[in-house]
């Protein structure tokens, strides 16, 4: 290990905690800005856009849930109707004209 490397390592180890925290905060902010830019959310409206996306996702989930419930109700009603028609035919309430 050279003397320059050893001196450099000592300088890194002597970094004050406040300076280290500032460095971490700066790196985190830059990273967040890059991610938002890659997602197309860098124009200052990111919070509103994300809120709108969440609302849209919630609406989609509600619509999907409602569609599922409706399809179950339709199938149940159809099965019950077929059973009633079958029972009516069996009891000759509804029969073919003679």
PDB file of N, CA and C in Angstrom:
ATOM      1  N   UNK A   1       0.847  -1.160   0.000  1.00  0.00           N
ATOM      2  CA  UNK A   1       0.000   0.000   0.000  1.00  0.00           C
ATOM      3  C   UNK A   1       0.898   1.230   0.000  1.00  0.00           C
ATOM      4  N   UNK A   2       0.602   2.165  -0.867  1.00  0.00           N
ATOM      5  CA  UNK A   2       1.430   3.366  -0.962  1.00  0.00           C
ATOM      6  C   UNK A   2       1.023   4.377   0.088  1.00  0.00           C
ATOM      7  N   UNK A   3       1.882   5.365   0.274  1.00  0.00           N
ATOM      8  CA  UNK A   3       1.600   6.396   1.271  1.00  0.00           C
ATOM      9  C   UNK A   3       0.408   7.248   0.852  1.00  0.00           C
ATOM     10  N   UNK A   4       0.243   7.493  -0.451  1.00  0.00           N
ATOM     11  CA  UNK A   4      -0.883   8.296  -0.942  1.00  0.00           C
ATOM     12  C   UNK A   4      -2.201   7.578  -0.655  1.00  0.00           C
ATOM     13  N   UNK A   5      -2.233   6.266  -0.873  1.00  0.00           N
ATOM     14  CA  UNK A   5      -3.449   5.502  -0.614  1.00  0.00           C
ATOM     15  C   UNK A   5      -3.760   5.506   0.867  1.00  0.00           C
ATOM     16  N   UNK A   6      -2.762   5.329   1.687  1.00  0.00           N
ATOM     17  CA  UNK A   6      -2.957   5.332   3.126  1.00  0.00           C
ATOM     18  C   UNK A   6      -3.492   6.676   3.605  1.00  0.00           C
ATOM     19  N   UNK A   7      -2.947   7.783   3.072  1.00  0.00           N
ATOM     20  CA  UNK A   7      -3.418   9.117   3.442  1.00  0.00           C
ATOM     21  C   UNK A   7      -4.859   9.301   2.994  1.00  0.00           C
ATOM     22  N   UNK A   8      -5.164   8.846   1.794  1.00  0.00           N
ATOM     23  CA  UNK A   8      -6.528   8.966   1.252  1.00  0.00           C
ATOM     24  C   UNK A   8      -7.522   8.194   2.125  1.00  0.00           C
ATOM     25  N   UNK A   9      -7.145   7.000   2.574  1.00  0.00           N
ATOM     26  CA  UNK A   9      -8.018   6.211   3.422  1.00  0.00           C
ATOM     27  C   UNK A   9      -8.247   6.905   4.754  1.00  0.00           C
ATOM     28  N   UNK A  10      -7.215   7.519   5.300  1.00  0.00           N
ATOM     29  CA  UNK A  10      -7.375   8.248   6.564  1.00  0.00           C
ATOM     30  C   UNK A  10      -8.315   9.420   6.381  1.00  0.00           C
ATOM     31  N   UNK A  11      -8.233  10.106   5.251  1.00  0.00           N
ATOM     32  CA  UNK A  11      -9.118  11.237   5.002  1.00  0.00           C
ATOM     33  C   UNK A  11     -10.569  10.774   4.921  1.00  0.00           C
ATOM     34  N   UNK A  12     -10.794   9.634   4.314  1.00  0.00           N
ATOM     35  CA  UNK A  12     -12.154   9.125   4.225  1.00  0.00           C
ATOM     36  C   UNK A  12     -12.676   8.732   5.592  1.00  0.00           C
ATOM     37  N   UNK A  13     -11.844   8.173   6.425  1.00  0.00           N
ATOM     38  CA  UNK A  13     -12.256   7.769   7.750  1.00  0.00           C
ATOM     39  C   UNK A  13     -12.476   8.964   8.669  1.00  0.00           C
ATOM     40  N   UNK A  14     -11.897  10.082   8.371  1.00  0.00           N
ATOM     41  CA  UNK A  14     -12.032  11.261   9.210  1.00  0.00           C
ATOM     42  C   UNK A  14     -13.182  12.165   8.763  1.00  0.00           C
ATOM     43  N   UNK A  15     -14.035  11.690   7.875  1.00  0.00           N
ATOM     44  CA  UNK A  15     -15.188  12.462   7.418  1.00  0.00           C
ATOM     45  C   UNK A  15     -16.164  12.589   8.580  1.00  0.00           C
ATOM     46  N   UNK A  16     -16.556  13.810   8.869  1.00  0.00           N
ATOM     47  CA  UNK A  16     -17.473  14.037   9.990  1.00  0.00           C
ATOM     48  C   UNK A  16     -18.834  13.433   9.682  1.00  0.00           C
ATOM     49  N   UNK A  17     -19.543  13.064  10.743  1.00  0.00           N
ATOM     50  CA  UNK A  17     -20.861  12.443  10.580  1.00  0.00           C
ATOM     51  C   UNK A  17     -21.812  13.381   9.860  1.00  0.00           C
ATOM     52  N   UNK A  18     -21.792  14.670  10.191  1.00  0.00           N
ATOM     53  CA  UNK A  18     -22.672  15.638   9.522  1.00  0.00           C
ATOM     54  C   UNK A  18     -22.362  15.719   8.032  1.00  0.00           C
ATOM     55  N   UNK A  19     -21.083  15.717   7.690  1.00  0.00           N
ATOM     56  CA  UNK A  19     -20.696  15.760   6.275  1.00  0.00           C
ATOM     57  C   UNK A  19     -21.137  14.477   5.562  1.00  0.00           C
ATOM     58  N   UNK A  20     -20.999  13.352   6.255  1.00  0.00           N
ATOM     59  CA  UNK A  20     -21.407  12.077   5.674  1.00  0.00           C
ATOM     60  C   UNK A  20     -22.921  12.054   5.457  1.00  0.00           C
ATOM     61  N   UNK A  21     -23.681  12.541   6.437  1.00  0.00           N
ATOM     62  CA  UNK A  21     -25.140  12.613   6.297  1.00  0.00           C
ATOM     63  C   UNK A  21     -25.540  13.526   5.145  1.00  0.00           C
ATOM     64  N   UNK A  22     -24.868  14.665   5.020  1.00  0.00           N
ATOM     65  CA  UNK A  22     -25.146  15.578   3.905  1.00  0.00           C
ATOM     66  C   UNK A  22     -24.873  14.907   2.565  1.00  0.00           C
ATOM     67  N   UNK A  23     -23.770  14.165   2.513  1.00  0.00           N
ATOM     68  CA  UNK A  23     -23.411  13.452   1.290  1.00  0.00           C
ATOM     69  C   UNK A  23     -24.467  12.401   0.937  1.00  0.00           C
ATOM     70  N   UNK A  24     -24.922  11.654   1.933  1.00  0.00           N
ATOM     71  CA  UNK A  24     -25.958  10.645   1.703  1.00  0.00           C
ATOM     72  C   UNK A  24     -27.267  11.277   1.246  1.00  0.00           C
ATOM     73  N   UNK A  25     -27.641  12.380   1.889  1.00  0.00           N
ATOM     74  CA  UNK A  25     -28.884  13.069   1.505  1.00  0.00           C
ATOM     75  C   UNK A  25     -28.811  13.573   0.068  1.00  0.00           C
ATOM     76  N   UNK A  26     -27.681  14.134  -0.295  1.00  0.00           N
ATOM     77  CA  UNK A  26     -27.498  14.640  -1.664  1.00  0.00           C
ATOM     78  C   UNK A  26     -27.582  13.498  -2.671  1.00  0.00           C
ATOM     79  N   UNK A  27     -26.948  12.375  -2.355  1.00  0.00           N
ATOM     80  CA  UNK A  27     -26.986  11.218  -3.256  1.00  0.00           C
ATOM     81  C   UNK A  27     -28.403  10.659  -3.373  1.00  0.00           C
ATOM     82  N   UNK A  28     -29.112  10.629  -2.259  1.00  0.00           N
ATOM     83  CA  UNK A  28     -30.483  10.118  -2.285  1.00  0.00           C
ATOM     84  C   UNK A  28     -31.391  11.024  -3.116  1.00  0.00           C
ATOM     85  N   UNK A  29     -31.239  12.334  -2.961  1.00  0.00           N
ATOM     86  CA  UNK A  29     -32.052  13.276  -3.739  1.00  0.00           C
ATOM     87  C   UNK A  29     -31.753  13.154  -5.233  1.00  0.00           C
ATOM     88  N   UNK A  30     -30.492  13.053  -5.565  1.00  0.00           N
ATOM     89  CA  UNK A  30     -30.132  12.904  -6.988  1.00  0.00           C
ATOM     90  C   UNK A  30     -30.688  11.602  -7.551  1.00  0.00           C
ATOM     91  N   UNK A  31     -30.589  10.545  -6.790  1.00  0.00           N
ATOM     92  CA  UNK A  31     -31.127   9.263  -7.243  1.00  0.00           C
ATOM     93  C   UNK A  31     -32.632   9.330  -7.443  1.00  0.00           C
ATOM     94  N   UNK A  32     -33.337   9.963  -6.503  1.00  0.00           N
ATOM     95  CA  UNK A  32     -34.788  10.096  -6.621  1.00  0.00           C
ATOM     96  C   UNK A  32     -35.152  10.936  -7.841  1.00  0.00           C
ATOM     97  N   UNK A  33     -34.404  12.014  -8.069  1.00  0.00           N
ATOM     98  CA  UNK A  33     -34.667  12.858  -9.245  1.00  0.00           C
ATOM     99  C   UNK A  33     -34.460  12.079 -10.538  1.00  0.00           C
ATOM    100  N   UNK A  34     -33.440  11.248 -10.583  1.00  0.00           N
ATOM    101  CA  UNK A  34     -33.176  10.443 -11.787  1.00  0.00           C
ATOM    102  C   UNK A  34     -34.293   9.439 -12.030  1.00  0.00           C
ATOM    103  N   UNK A  35     -34.751   8.798 -10.946  1.00  0.00           N
ATOM    104  CA  UNK A  35     -35.830   7.821 -11.093  1.00  0.00           C
ATOM    105  C   UNK A  35     -37.098   8.509 -11.587  1.00  0.00           C
ATOM    106  N   UNK A  36     -37.436   9.643 -10.990  1.00  0.00           N
ATOM    107  CA  UNK A  36     -38.629  10.377 -11.426  1.00  0.00           C
ATOM    108  C   UNK A  36     -38.498  10.815 -12.876  1.00  0.00           C
ATOM    109  N   UNK A  37     -37.302  11.240 -13.267  1.00  0.00           N
ATOM    110  CA  UNK A  37     -37.087  11.649 -14.659  1.00  0.00           C
ATOM    111  C   UNK A  37     -37.271  10.468 -15.603  1.00  0.00           C
ATOM    112  N   UNK A  38     -36.773   9.307 -15.222  1.00  0.00           N
ATOM    113  CA  UNK A  38     -36.927   8.112 -16.068  1.00  0.00           C
ATOM    114  C   UNK A  38     -38.385   7.693 -16.189  1.00  0.00           C
ATOM    115  N   UNK A  39     -39.166   7.964 -15.146  1.00  0.00           N
ATOM    116  CA  UNK A  39     -40.584   7.626 -15.169  1.00  0.00           C
ATOM    117  C   UNK A  39     -41.428   8.716 -15.813  1.00  0.00           C
ATOM    118  N   UNK A  40     -40.788   9.831 -16.162  1.00  0.00           N
ATOM    119  CA  UNK A  40     -41.522  10.939 -16.771  1.00  0.00           C
ATOM    120  C   UNK A  40     -42.288  11.763 -15.753  1.00  0.00           C
ATOM    121  N   UNK A  41     -41.870  11.738 -14.498  1.00  0.00           N
ATOM    122  CA  UNK A  41     -42.569  12.448 -13.422  1.00  0.00           C
ATOM    123  C   UNK A  41     -41.728  13.576 -12.829  1.00  0.00           C
ATOM    124  N   UNK A  42     -40.827  14.128 -13.615  1.00  0.00           N
ATOM    125  CA  UNK A  42     -39.886  15.112 -13.084  1.00  0.00           C
ATOM    126  C   UNK A  42     -40.387  16.542 -13.148  1.00  0.00           C
ATOM    127  N   UNK A  43     -41.566  16.778 -13.664  1.00  0.00           N
ATOM    128  CA  UNK A  43     -42.008  18.147 -13.904  1.00  0.00           C
ATOM    129  C   UNK A  43     -42.661  18.818 -12.705  1.00  0.00           C
ATOM    130  N   UNK A  44     -42.562  18.269 -11.541  1.00  0.00           N
ATOM    131  CA  UNK A  44     -43.124  18.895 -10.352  1.00  0.00           C
ATOM    132  C   UNK A  44     -44.542  18.449 -10.052  1.00  0.00           C
ATOM    133  N   UNK A  45     -45.135  17.685 -10.946  1.00  0.00           N
ATOM    134  CA  UNK A  45     -46.501  17.212 -10.736  1.00  0.00           C
ATOM    135  C   UNK A  45     -46.518  15.733 -10.355  1.00  0.00           C
ATOM    136  N   UNK A  46     -45.398  15.230  -9.914  1.00  0.00           N
ATOM    137  CA  UNK A  46     -45.269  13.798  -9.638  1.00  0.00           C
ATOM    138  C   UNK A  46     -46.261  13.345  -8.569  1.00  0.00           C
ATOM    139  N   UNK A  47     -46.399  14.092  -7.490  1.00  0.00           N
ATOM    140  CA  UNK A  47     -47.297  13.685  -6.406  1.00  0.00           C
ATOM    141  C   UNK A  47     -48.731  13.610  -6.916  1.00  0.00           C
ATOM    142  N   UNK A  48     -49.145  14.600  -7.677  1.00  0.00           N
ATOM    143  CA  UNK A  48     -50.519  14.602  -8.216  1.00  0.00           C
ATOM    144  C   UNK A  48     -50.702  13.460  -9.206  1.00  0.00           C
ATOM    145  N   UNK A  49     -49.703  13.238 -10.059  1.00  0.00           N
ATOM    146  CA  UNK A  49     -49.793  12.159 -11.037  1.00  0.00           C
ATOM    147  C   UNK A  49     -49.898  10.797 -10.364  1.00  0.00           C
ATOM    148  N   UNK A  50     -49.095  10.589  -9.335  1.00  0.00           N
ATOM    149  CA  UNK A  50     -49.128   9.314  -8.627  1.00  0.00           C
ATOM    150  C   UNK A  50     -50.466   9.145  -7.913  1.00  0.00           C
ATOM    151  N   UNK A  51     -50.989  10.210  -7.328  1.00  0.00           N
ATOM    152  CA  UNK A  51     -52.297  10.148  -6.682  1.00  0.00           C
ATOM    153  C   UNK A  51     -53.383   9.785  -7.693  1.00  0.00           C
ATOM    154  N   UNK A  52     -53.327  10.400  -8.873  1.00  0.00           N
ATOM    155  CA  UNK A  52     -54.306  10.087  -9.916  1.00  0.00           C
ATOM    156  C   UNK A  52     -54.171   8.635 -10.382  1.00  0.00           C
ATOM    157  N   UNK A  53     -52.941   8.140 -10.492  1.00  0.00           N
ATOM    158  CA  UNK A  53     -52.738   6.748 -10.868  1.00  0.00           C
ATOM    159  C   UNK A  53     -53.301   5.801  -9.814  1.00  0.00           C
ATOM    160  N   UNK A  54     -53.125   6.145  -8.557  1.00  0.00           N
ATOM    161  CA  UNK A  54     -53.679   5.318  -7.485  1.00  0.00           C
ATOM    162  C   UNK A  54     -55.198   5.316  -7.539  1.00  0.00           C
ATOM    163  N   UNK A  55     -55.793   6.490  -7.777  1.00  0.00           N
ATOM    164  CA  UNK A  55     -57.248   6.578  -7.882  1.00  0.00           C
ATOM    165  C   UNK A  55     -57.750   5.754  -9.069  1.00  0.00           C
ATOM    166  N   UNK A  56     -57.037   5.820 -10.185  1.00  0.00           N
ATOM    167  CA  UNK A  56     -57.412   5.034 -11.360  1.00  0.00           C
ATOM    168  C   UNK A  56     -57.316   3.542 -11.073  1.00  0.00           C
ATOM    169  N   UNK A  57     -56.273   3.135 -10.380  1.00  0.00           N
ATOM    170  CA  UNK A  57     -56.109   1.730 -10.013  1.00  0.00           C
ATOM    171  C   UNK A  57     -57.222   1.283  -9.070  1.00  0.00           C
ATOM    172  N   UNK A  58     -57.577   2.128  -8.104  1.00  0.00           N
ATOM    173  CA  UNK A  58     -58.682   1.796  -7.201  1.00  0.00           C
ATOM    174  C   UNK A  58     -59.995   1.659  -7.968  1.00  0.00           C
ATOM    175  N   UNK A  59     -60.231   2.563  -8.915  1.00  0.00           N
ATOM    176  CA  UNK A  59     -61.452   2.488  -9.726  1.00  0.00           C
ATOM    177  C   UNK A  59     -61.468   1.209 -10.550  1.00  0.00           C
ATOM    178  N   UNK A  60     -60.320   0.838 -11.119  1.00  0.00           N
ATOM    179  CA  UNK A  60     -60.227  -0.399 -11.896  1.00  0.00           C
ATOM    180  C   UNK A  60     -60.541  -1.600 -11.017  1.00  0.00           C
ATOM    181  N   UNK A  61     -59.996  -1.623  -9.805  1.00  0.00           N
ATOM    182  CA  UNK A  61     -60.254  -2.739  -8.892  1.00  0.00           C
ATOM    183  C   UNK A  61     -61.733  -2.811  -8.523  1.00  0.00           C
ATOM    184  N   UNK A  62     -62.350  -1.653  -8.267  1.00  0.00           N
ATOM    185  CA  UNK A  62     -63.784  -1.626  -7.957  1.00  0.00           C
ATOM    186  C   UNK A  62     -64.605  -2.134  -9.138  1.00  0.00           C
ATOM    187  N   UNK A  63     -64.256  -1.705 -10.340  1.00  0.00           N
ATOM    188  CA  UNK A  63     -64.988  -2.146 -11.535  1.00  0.00           C
ATOM    189  C   UNK A  63     -64.838  -3.645 -11.740  1.00  0.00           C
ATOM    190  N   UNK A  64     -63.639  -4.157 -11.542  1.00  0.00           N
ATOM    191  CA  UNK A  64     -63.397  -5.589 -11.695  1.00  0.00           C
ATOM    192  C   UNK A  64     -64.190  -6.382 -10.660  1.00  0.00           C
ATOM    193  N   UNK A  65     -64.199  -5.890  -9.431  1.00  0.00           N
ATOM    194  CA  UNK A  65     -64.941  -6.550  -8.360  1.00  0.00           C
ATOM    195  C   UNK A  65     -66.440  -6.543  -8.669  1.00  0.00           C
ATOM    196  N   UNK A  66     -66.944  -5.414  -9.136  1.00  0.00           N
ATOM    197  CA  UNK A  66     -68.362  -5.302  -9.478  1.00  0.00           C
ATOM    198  C   UNK A  66     -68.716  -6.219 -10.643  1.00  0.00           C
ATOM    199  N   UNK A  67     -67.865  -6.286 -11.648  1.00  0.00           N
ATOM    200  CA  UNK A  67     -68.114  -7.166 -12.793  1.00  0.00           C
ATOM    201  C   UNK A  67     -68.148  -8.624 -12.343  1.00  0.00           C
ATOM    202  N   UNK A  68     -67.260  -9.006 -11.468  1.00  0.00           N
ATOM    203  CA  UNK A  68     -67.235 -10.381 -10.972  1.00  0.00           C
ATOM    204  C   UNK A  68     -68.514 -10.697 -10.208  1.00  0.00           C
ATOM    205  N   UNK A  69     -68.922  -9.794  -9.319  1.00  0.00           N
ATOM    206  CA  UNK A  69     -70.150 -10.010  -8.549  1.00  0.00           C
ATOM    207  C   UNK A  69     -71.362 -10.086  -9.471  1.00  0.00           C
ATOM    208  N   UNK A  70     -71.403  -9.221 -10.468  1.00  0.00           N
ATOM    209  CA  UNK A  70     -72.525  -9.221 -11.408  1.00  0.00           C
ATOM    210  C   UNK A  70     -72.583 -10.524 -12.190  1.00  0.00           C
ATOM    211  N   UNK A  71     -71.439 -11.010 -12.637  1.00  0.00           N
ATOM    212  CA  UNK A  71     -71.434 -12.267 -13.393  1.00  0.00           C
ATOM    213  C   UNK A  71     -71.871 -13.434 -12.510  1.00  0.00           C
ATOM    214  N   UNK A  72     -71.494 -13.439 -11.255  1.00  0.00           N
ATOM    215  CA  UNK A  72     -71.923 -14.499 -10.339  1.00  0.00           C
ATOM    216  C   UNK A  72     -73.436 -14.416 -10.138  1.00  0.00           C
ATOM    217  N   UNK A  73     -73.967 -13.206  -9.976  1.00  0.00           N
ATOM    218  CA  UNK A  73     -75.418 -13.044  -9.804  1.00  0.00           C
ATOM    219  C   UNK A  73     -76.172 -13.500 -11.045  1.00  0.00           C
ATOM    220  N   UNK A  74     -75.679 -13.173 -12.231  1.00  0.00           N
ATOM    221  CA  UNK A  74     -76.339 -13.574 -13.474  1.00  0.00           C
ATOM    222  C   UNK A  74     -76.334 -15.086 -13.607  1.00  0.00           C
ATOM    223  N   UNK A  75     -75.199 -15.717 -13.329  1.00  0.00           N
ATOM    224  CA  UNK A  75     -75.126 -17.183 -13.418  1.00  0.00           C
ATOM    225  C   UNK A  75     -76.058 -17.838 -12.396  1.00  0.00           C
ATOM    226  N   UNK A  76     -76.095 -17.314 -11.184  1.00  0.00           N
ATOM    227  CA  UNK A  76     -76.967 -17.867 -10.152  1.00  0.00           C
ATOM    228  C   UNK A  76     -78.433 -17.726 -10.559  1.00  0.00           C
ATOM    229  N   UNK A  77     -78.795 -16.563 -11.063  1.00  0.00           N
ATOM    230  CA  UNK A  77     -80.167 -16.330 -11.500  1.00  0.00           C
ATOM    231  C   UNK A  77     -80.534 -17.263 -12.656  1.00  0.00           C
ATOM    232  N   UNK A  78     -79.617 -17.452 -13.601  1.00  0.00           N
ATOM    233  CA  UNK A  78     -79.881 -18.342 -14.734  1.00  0.00           C
ATOM    234  C   UNK A  78     -80.077 -19.781 -14.271  1.00  0.00           C
ATOM    235  N   UNK A  79     -79.268 -20.231 -13.351  1.00  0.00           N
ATOM    236  CA  UNK A  79     -79.397 -21.605 -12.835  1.00  0.00           C
ATOM    237  C   UNK A  79     -80.720 -21.778 -12.114  1.00  0.00           C
ATOM    238  N   UNK A  80     -81.075 -20.797 -11.282  1.00  0.00           N
ATOM    239  CA  UNK A  80     -82.357 -20.875 -10.568  1.00  0.00           C
ATOM    240  C   UNK A  80     -83.530 -20.847 -11.541  1.00  0.00           C
ATOM    241  N   UNK A  81     -83.443 -20.031 -12.586  1.00  0.00           N
ATOM    242  CA  UNK A  81     -84.511 -19.969 -13.587  1.00  0.00           C
ATOM    243  C   UNK A  81     -84.653 -21.303 -14.298  1.00  0.00           C
ATOM    244  N   UNK A  82     -83.542 -21.920 -14.658  1.00  0.00           N
ATOM    245  CA  UNK A  82     -83.600 -23.234 -15.319  1.00  0.00           C
ATOM    246  C   UNK A  82     -84.206 -24.286 -14.391  1.00  0.00           C
ATOM    247  N   UNK A  83     -83.851 -24.225 -13.107  1.00  0.00           N
ATOM    248  CA  UNK A  83     -84.429 -25.171 -12.152  1.00  0.00           C
ATOM    249  C   UNK A  83     -85.935 -24.975 -12.023  1.00  0.00           C
ATOM    250  N   UNK A  84     -86.390 -23.722 -12.001  1.00  0.00           N
ATOM    251  CA  UNK A  84     -87.825 -23.438 -11.906  1.00  0.00           C
ATOM    252  C   UNK A  84     -88.562 -23.919 -13.149  1.00  0.00           C
ATOM    253  N   UNK A  85     -87.992 -23.655 -14.321  1.00  0.00           N
ATOM    254  CA  UNK A  85     -88.618 -24.118 -15.561  1.00  0.00           C
ATOM    255  C   UNK A  85     -88.650 -25.641 -15.582  1.00  0.00           C
ATOM    256  N   UNK A  86     -87.565 -26.268 -15.183  1.00  0.00           N
ATOM    257  CA  UNK A  86     -87.541 -27.735 -15.127  1.00  0.00           C
ATOM    258  C   UNK A  86     -88.572 -28.280 -14.156  1.00  0.00           C
ATOM    259  N   UNK A  87     -88.704 -27.652 -12.991  1.00  0.00           N
ATOM    260  CA  UNK A  87     -89.697 -28.100 -12.004  1.00  0.00           C
ATOM    261  C   UNK A  87     -91.102 -27.885 -12.542  1.00  0.00           C
ATOM    262  N   UNK A  88     -91.340 -26.766 -13.226  1.00  0.00           N
ATOM    263  CA  UNK A  88     -92.668 -26.484 -13.777  1.00  0.00           C
ATOM    264  C   UNK A  88     -93.032 -27.509 -14.847  1.00  0.00           C
ATOM    265  N   UNK A  89     -92.082 -27.870 -15.680  1.00  0.00           N
ATOM    266  CA  UNK A  89     -92.341 -28.878 -16.715  1.00  0.00           C
ATOM    267  C   UNK A  89     -92.590 -30.235 -16.063  1.00  0.00           C
ATOM    268  N   UNK A  90     -91.811 -30.557 -15.060  1.00  0.00           N
ATOM    269  CA  UNK A  90     -91.948 -31.838 -14.369  1.00  0.00           C
ATOM    270  C   UNK A  90     -93.315 -31.936 -13.687  1.00  0.00           C
ATOM    271  N   UNK A  91     -93.786 -30.835 -13.125  1.00  0.00           N
ATOM    272  CA  UNK A  91     -95.085 -30.817 -12.452  1.00  0.00           C
ATOM    273  C   UNK A  91     -96.226 -30.530 -13.429  1.00  0.00           C
ATOM    274  N   UNK A  92     -95.915 -30.427 -14.698  1.00  0.00           N
ATOM    275  CA  UNK A  92     -96.862 -30.180 -15.780  1.00  0.00           C
ATOM    276  C   UNK A  92     -97.600 -28.866 -15.607  1.00  0.00           C
ATOM    277  N   UNK A  93     -96.964 -27.912 -14.959  1.00  0.00           N
ATOM    278  CA  UNK A  93     -97.527 -26.565 -14.864  1.00  0.00           C
ATOM    279  C   UNK A  93     -97.348 -25.886 -16.209  1.00  0.00           C
ATOM    280  N   UNK A  94     -96.183 -26.090 -16.766  1.00  0.00           N
ATOM    281  CA  UNK A  94     -95.894 -25.544 -18.097  1.00  0.00           C
ATOM    282  C   UNK A  94     -95.642 -26.754 -18.978  1.00  0.00           C
ATOM    283  N   UNK A  95     -96.499 -27.021 -19.841  1.00  0.00           N
ATOM    284  CA  UNK A  95     -96.285 -28.163 -20.697  1.00  0.00           C
ATOM    285  C   UNK A  95     -96.455 -27.765 -22.158  1.00  0.00           C
ATOM    286  N   UNK A  96     -96.143 -28.666 -23.004  1.00  0.00           N
ATOM    287  CA  UNK A  96     -96.338 -28.425 -24.419  1.00  0.00           C
ATOM    288  C   UNK A  96     -97.827 -28.497 -24.720  1.00  0.00           C
ATOM    289  N   UNK A  97     -98.308 -27.634 -25.606  1.00  0.00           N
ATOM    290  CA  UNK A  97     -99.733 -27.680 -25.932  1.00  0.00           C
ATOM    291  C   UNK A  97    -100.097 -29.007 -26.592  1.00  0.00           C
ATOM    292  N   UNK A  98    -101.262 -29.501 -26.253  1.00  0.00           N
ATOM    293  CA  UNK A  98    -101.673 -30.806 -26.768  1.00  0.00           C
ATOM    294  C   UNK A  98    -102.604 -30.696 -27.929  1.00  0.00           C
TER     295      UNK A  98
END
